[in-house]
């Protein structure tokens, strides 16, 4: 489960929309593969409180056959980029180390800037897009003591 919370941290820490609004929500279809085994689920992010310098977010992770795991935490406003910054990332994708791509996810097709990173024992890819929390898709691959693990999250919408 700690890898799922790493996914959540990456989705929230990546650029999102500035001045979050209570009720803003994004839902992702998640697939977790470990070796030949796979489990599907959902990840929901929702803004539940906004103050001048911080906001609170509720994260709900639910995998098939398991009870949902709900976590609430405060985040600083610096964790959010404004829509202008998201536009700049997409428009200047190569300059920020990314590659422009169209990606199709359950919510539709989006122009994105795919940004890849390798570090901390994992390879990650984030597709920055004009959607809540600025992530149309996320993928992480890492080696664990039980074999190769892959997490993929695809933006489904706000329901």
C-alpha atoms as a PDB file:
ATOM      1  CA  UNK A   1       0.000   0.000   0.000  1.00  0.00           C
ATOM      2  CA  UNK A   2       2.936   2.382   0.563  1.00  0.00           C
ATOM      3  CA  UNK A   3       3.566   2.422  -3.200  1.00  0.00           C
ATOM      4  CA  UNK A   4      -0.019   3.556  -3.766  1.00  0.00           C
ATOM      5  CA  UNK A   5       0.572   6.490  -1.432  1.00  0.00           C
ATOM      6  CA  UNK A   6       3.734   7.310  -3.413  1.00  0.00           C
ATOM      7  CA  UNK A   7       1.469   7.472  -6.473  1.00  0.00           C
ATOM      8  CA  UNK A   8      -0.904   9.797  -4.633  1.00  0.00           C
ATOM      9  CA  UNK A   9       1.942  12.070  -3.561  1.00  0.00           C
ATOM     10  CA  UNK A  10       3.174  12.256  -7.153  1.00  0.00           C
ATOM     11  CA  UNK A  11      -0.266  13.092  -8.514  1.00  0.00           C
ATOM     12  CA  UNK A  12      -0.871  15.816  -5.951  1.00  0.00           C
ATOM     13  CA  UNK A  13       2.660  17.220  -6.071  1.00  0.00           C
ATOM     14  CA  UNK A  14       2.644  17.533  -9.848  1.00  0.00           C
ATOM     15  CA  UNK A  15       1.273  20.823 -11.154  1.00  0.00           C
ATOM     16  CA  UNK A  16      -2.439  21.267 -10.507  1.00  0.00           C
ATOM     17  CA  UNK A  17      -4.815  24.211 -10.707  1.00  0.00           C
ATOM     18  CA  UNK A  18      -4.095  27.245  -8.497  1.00  0.00           C
ATOM     19  CA  UNK A  19      -6.641  28.547  -6.035  1.00  0.00           C
ATOM     20  CA  UNK A  20      -8.201  25.155  -5.400  1.00  0.00           C
ATOM     21  CA  UNK A  21     -11.947  25.143  -4.850  1.00  0.00           C
ATOM     22  CA  UNK A  22     -13.739  23.055  -2.239  1.00  0.00           C
ATOM     23  CA  UNK A  23     -15.304  20.121  -4.072  1.00  0.00           C
ATOM     24  CA  UNK A  24     -12.734  20.044  -6.898  1.00  0.00           C
ATOM     25  CA  UNK A  25     -12.254  16.365  -7.663  1.00  0.00           C
ATOM     26  CA  UNK A  26     -10.405  13.991  -9.954  1.00  0.00           C
ATOM     27  CA  UNK A  27     -10.921  10.241 -10.222  1.00  0.00           C
ATOM     28  CA  UNK A  28      -8.352   7.879 -11.732  1.00  0.00           C
ATOM     29  CA  UNK A  29      -8.608   4.250 -12.810  1.00  0.00           C
ATOM     30  CA  UNK A  30      -5.623   2.495 -11.250  1.00  0.00           C
ATOM     31  CA  UNK A  31      -3.937  -0.774 -12.158  1.00  0.00           C
ATOM     32  CA  UNK A  32      -1.282  -2.259  -9.885  1.00  0.00           C
ATOM     33  CA  UNK A  33       0.821  -5.088 -11.338  1.00  0.00           C
ATOM     34  CA  UNK A  34       3.277  -7.154  -9.344  1.00  0.00           C
ATOM     35  CA  UNK A  35       4.896  -9.834 -11.468  1.00  0.00           C
ATOM     36  CA  UNK A  36       2.106 -11.772 -13.212  1.00  0.00           C
ATOM     37  CA  UNK A  37      -0.579 -10.538 -10.773  1.00  0.00           C
ATOM     38  CA  UNK A  38      -2.702  -7.428 -11.281  1.00  0.00           C
ATOM     39  CA  UNK A  39      -5.373  -5.638  -9.274  1.00  0.00           C
ATOM     40  CA  UNK A  40      -7.603  -2.786 -10.435  1.00  0.00           C
ATOM     41  CA  UNK A  41      -9.085   0.041  -8.455  1.00  0.00           C
ATOM     42  CA  UNK A  42      -9.789   3.745  -8.247  1.00  0.00           C
ATOM     43  CA  UNK A  43      -8.058   6.746  -6.769  1.00  0.00           C
ATOM     44  CA  UNK A  44     -10.151   9.826  -5.947  1.00  0.00           C
ATOM     45  CA  UNK A  45      -8.650  13.191  -4.973  1.00  0.00           C
ATOM     46  CA  UNK A  46     -10.970  15.871  -3.577  1.00  0.00           C
ATOM     47  CA  UNK A  47     -10.343  19.334  -2.144  1.00  0.00           C
ATOM     48  CA  UNK A  48     -12.242  19.502   1.160  1.00  0.00           C
ATOM     49  CA  UNK A  49     -11.013  22.790   2.669  1.00  0.00           C
ATOM     50  CA  UNK A  50      -9.207  25.905   1.428  1.00  0.00           C
ATOM     51  CA  UNK A  51      -7.500  28.554   3.540  1.00  0.00           C
ATOM     52  CA  UNK A  52      -5.267  31.479   2.581  1.00  0.00           C
ATOM     53  CA  UNK A  53      -2.001  29.511   2.560  1.00  0.00           C
ATOM     54  CA  UNK A  54      -3.062  25.861   2.521  1.00  0.00           C
ATOM     55  CA  UNK A  55      -5.725  23.411   1.481  1.00  0.00           C
ATOM     56  CA  UNK A  56      -6.896  20.000   2.650  1.00  0.00           C
ATOM     57  CA  UNK A  57      -7.293  17.068   0.316  1.00  0.00           C
ATOM     58  CA  UNK A  58      -9.147  13.789   0.809  1.00  0.00           C
ATOM     59  CA  UNK A  59      -7.632  10.789  -0.938  1.00  0.00           C
ATOM     60  CA  UNK A  60      -9.657   7.610  -1.358  1.00  0.00           C
ATOM     61  CA  UNK A  61      -7.990   4.477  -2.715  1.00  0.00           C
ATOM     62  CA  UNK A  62     -10.197   1.463  -3.410  1.00  0.00           C
ATOM     63  CA  UNK A  63      -8.912  -1.765  -4.945  1.00  0.00           C
ATOM     64  CA  UNK A  64     -11.208  -4.572  -6.066  1.00  0.00           C
ATOM     65  CA  UNK A  65     -12.215  -6.729  -3.112  1.00  0.00           C
ATOM     66  CA  UNK A  66     -10.741  -4.416  -0.458  1.00  0.00           C
ATOM     67  CA  UNK A  67     -12.161  -1.772   1.850  1.00  0.00           C
ATOM     68  CA  UNK A  68     -11.468   1.794   0.649  1.00  0.00           C
ATOM     69  CA  UNK A  69      -8.541   3.531   2.323  1.00  0.00           C
ATOM     70  CA  UNK A  70      -9.316   7.202   3.066  1.00  0.00           C
ATOM     71  CA  UNK A  71      -6.678   9.739   4.059  1.00  0.00           C
ATOM     72  CA  UNK A  72      -6.968  13.500   4.644  1.00  0.00           C
ATOM     73  CA  UNK A  73      -3.984  15.829   4.663  1.00  0.00           C
ATOM     74  CA  UNK A  74      -3.081  19.504   4.477  1.00  0.00           C
ATOM     75  CA  UNK A  75      -0.936  20.763   1.615  1.00  0.00           C
ATOM     76  CA  UNK A  76       0.704  24.124   0.967  1.00  0.00           C
ATOM     77  CA  UNK A  77      -0.483  26.283  -1.928  1.00  0.00           C
ATOM     78  CA  UNK A  78       2.969  25.861  -3.493  1.00  0.00           C
ATOM     79  CA  UNK A  79       1.864  22.328  -4.462  1.00  0.00           C
ATOM     80  CA  UNK A  80      -0.411  23.874  -7.091  1.00  0.00           C
ATOM     81  CA  UNK A  81       0.502  25.574 -10.360  1.00  0.00           C
ATOM     82  CA  UNK A  82      -1.936  27.954 -11.989  1.00  0.00           C
ATOM     83  CA  UNK A  83      -3.564  27.169 -15.357  1.00  0.00           C
ATOM     84  CA  UNK A  84      -1.148  29.571 -17.070  1.00  0.00           C
ATOM     85  CA  UNK A  85       1.782  27.509 -15.794  1.00  0.00           C
ATOM     86  CA  UNK A  86       0.149  24.273 -17.006  1.00  0.00           C
ATOM     87  CA  UNK A  87      -0.327  25.917 -20.427  1.00  0.00           C
ATOM     88  CA  UNK A  88       3.343  26.967 -20.428  1.00  0.00           C
ATOM     89  CA  UNK A  89       4.469  23.425 -19.596  1.00  0.00           C
ATOM     90  CA  UNK A  90       2.410  22.015 -22.470  1.00  0.00           C
ATOM     91  CA  UNK A  91       3.453  24.764 -24.926  1.00  0.00           C
ATOM     92  CA  UNK A  92       7.153  24.526 -23.995  1.00  0.00           C
ATOM     93  CA  UNK A  93       7.252  20.809 -23.342  1.00  0.00           C
ATOM     94  CA  UNK A  94      10.734  20.126 -24.754  1.00  0.00           C
ATOM     95  CA  UNK A  95      12.188  23.039 -22.761  1.00  0.00           C
ATOM     96  CA  UNK A  96      11.001  21.439 -19.494  1.00  0.00           C
ATOM     97  CA  UNK A  97      12.482  18.077 -20.487  1.00  0.00           C
ATOM     98  CA  UNK A  98       9.268  16.502 -21.744  1.00  0.00           C
ATOM     99  CA  UNK A  99       7.812  15.307 -25.011  1.00  0.00           C
ATOM    100  CA  UNK A 100       4.440  16.421 -26.413  1.00  0.00           C
ATOM    101  CA  UNK A 101       1.955  13.556 -26.736  1.00  0.00           C
ATOM    102  CA  UNK A 102      -1.745  13.022 -27.255  1.00  0.00           C
ATOM    103  CA  UNK A 103      -3.013  10.561 -24.680  1.00  0.00           C
ATOM    104  CA  UNK A 104      -6.368   8.798 -24.549  1.00  0.00           C
ATOM    105  CA  UNK A 105      -7.725   7.984 -21.093  1.00  0.00           C
ATOM    106  CA  UNK A 106     -11.266   7.136 -19.900  1.00  0.00           C
ATOM    107  CA  UNK A 107     -12.136  10.883 -19.720  1.00  0.00           C
ATOM    108  CA  UNK A 108     -11.131  11.474 -23.369  1.00  0.00           C
ATOM    109  CA  UNK A 109      -8.162  12.517 -25.485  1.00  0.00           C
ATOM    110  CA  UNK A 110      -5.797  15.231 -24.234  1.00  0.00           C
ATOM    111  CA  UNK A 111      -2.772  17.133 -25.492  1.00  0.00           C
ATOM    112  CA  UNK A 112      -0.108  16.507 -22.861  1.00  0.00           C
ATOM    113  CA  UNK A 113       3.513  16.984 -21.979  1.00  0.00           C
ATOM    114  CA  UNK A 114       4.965  13.617 -20.980  1.00  0.00           C
ATOM    115  CA  UNK A 115       7.678  14.083 -18.365  1.00  0.00           C
ATOM    116  CA  UNK A 116       9.833  11.085 -17.454  1.00  0.00           C
ATOM    117  CA  UNK A 117      12.104  10.741 -14.433  1.00  0.00           C
ATOM    118  CA  UNK A 118      14.347   8.024 -13.075  1.00  0.00           C
ATOM    119  CA  UNK A 119      15.331   8.061  -9.422  1.00  0.00           C
ATOM    120  CA  UNK A 120      14.759   6.626  -5.961  1.00  0.00           C
ATOM    121  CA  UNK A 121      14.625   3.114  -7.417  1.00  0.00           C
ATOM    122  CA  UNK A 122      11.768   3.912  -9.789  1.00  0.00           C
ATOM    123  CA  UNK A 123      11.067   5.179 -13.281  1.00  0.00           C
ATOM    124  CA  UNK A 124       8.049   7.496 -13.478  1.00  0.00           C
ATOM    125  CA  UNK A 125       6.122   9.126 -16.289  1.00  0.00           C
ATOM    126  CA  UNK A 126       3.566  11.910 -15.826  1.00  0.00           C
ATOM    127  CA  UNK A 127       1.365  13.220 -18.644  1.00  0.00           C
ATOM    128  CA  UNK A 128       0.659  16.873 -17.699  1.00  0.00           C
ATOM    129  CA  UNK A 129      -2.680  18.037 -19.130  1.00  0.00           C
ATOM    130  CA  UNK A 130      -5.460  20.602 -18.762  1.00  0.00           C
ATOM    131  CA  UNK A 131      -7.391  18.533 -16.198  1.00  0.00           C
ATOM    132  CA  UNK A 132      -7.873  18.842 -12.414  1.00  0.00           C
ATOM    133  CA  UNK A 133      -4.576  18.104 -10.657  1.00  0.00           C
ATOM    134  CA  UNK A 134      -2.958  18.467 -14.135  1.00  0.00           C
ATOM    135  CA  UNK A 135      -2.442  14.714 -14.583  1.00  0.00           C
ATOM    136  CA  UNK A 136      -4.083  12.823 -17.423  1.00  0.00           C
ATOM    137  CA  UNK A 137      -1.977   9.729 -16.796  1.00  0.00           C
ATOM    138  CA  UNK A 138       0.748   8.487 -14.444  1.00  0.00           C
ATOM    139  CA  UNK A 139       2.987   5.413 -14.639  1.00  0.00           C
ATOM    140  CA  UNK A 140       5.626   4.135 -12.227  1.00  0.00           C
ATOM    141  CA  UNK A 141       7.820   1.051 -12.559  1.00  0.00           C
ATOM    142  CA  UNK A 142      10.121  -0.197  -9.808  1.00  0.00           C
ATOM    143  CA  UNK A 143      11.799  -3.376  -8.663  1.00  0.00           C
ATOM    144  CA  UNK A 144      10.646  -4.753  -5.322  1.00  0.00           C
ATOM    145  CA  UNK A 145      11.696  -7.783  -3.316  1.00  0.00           C
ATOM    146  CA  UNK A 146       8.697  -9.558  -4.925  1.00  0.00           C
ATOM    147  CA  UNK A 147       9.591  -8.617  -8.510  1.00  0.00           C
ATOM    148  CA  UNK A 148       8.786  -5.777 -10.875  1.00  0.00           C
ATOM    149  CA  UNK A 149       5.887  -3.568  -9.818  1.00  0.00           C
ATOM    150  CA  UNK A 150       4.014  -1.225 -12.158  1.00  0.00           C
ATOM    151  CA  UNK A 151       1.348   1.311 -11.185  1.00  0.00           C
ATOM    152  CA  UNK A 152      -0.705   3.066 -13.851  1.00  0.00           C
ATOM    153  CA  UNK A 153      -3.345   5.739 -13.165  1.00  0.00           C
ATOM    154  CA  UNK A 154      -5.574   7.173 -15.912  1.00  0.00           C
ATOM    155  CA  UNK A 155      -7.823  10.201 -15.447  1.00  0.00           C
ATOM    156  CA  UNK A 156     -11.485   9.173 -15.544  1.00  0.00           C
ATOM    157  CA  UNK A 157     -13.151  12.496 -14.742  1.00  0.00           C
ATOM    158  CA  UNK A 158     -14.708  13.887 -11.593  1.00  0.00           C
ATOM    159  CA  UNK A 159     -17.195  11.106 -10.755  1.00  0.00           C
END
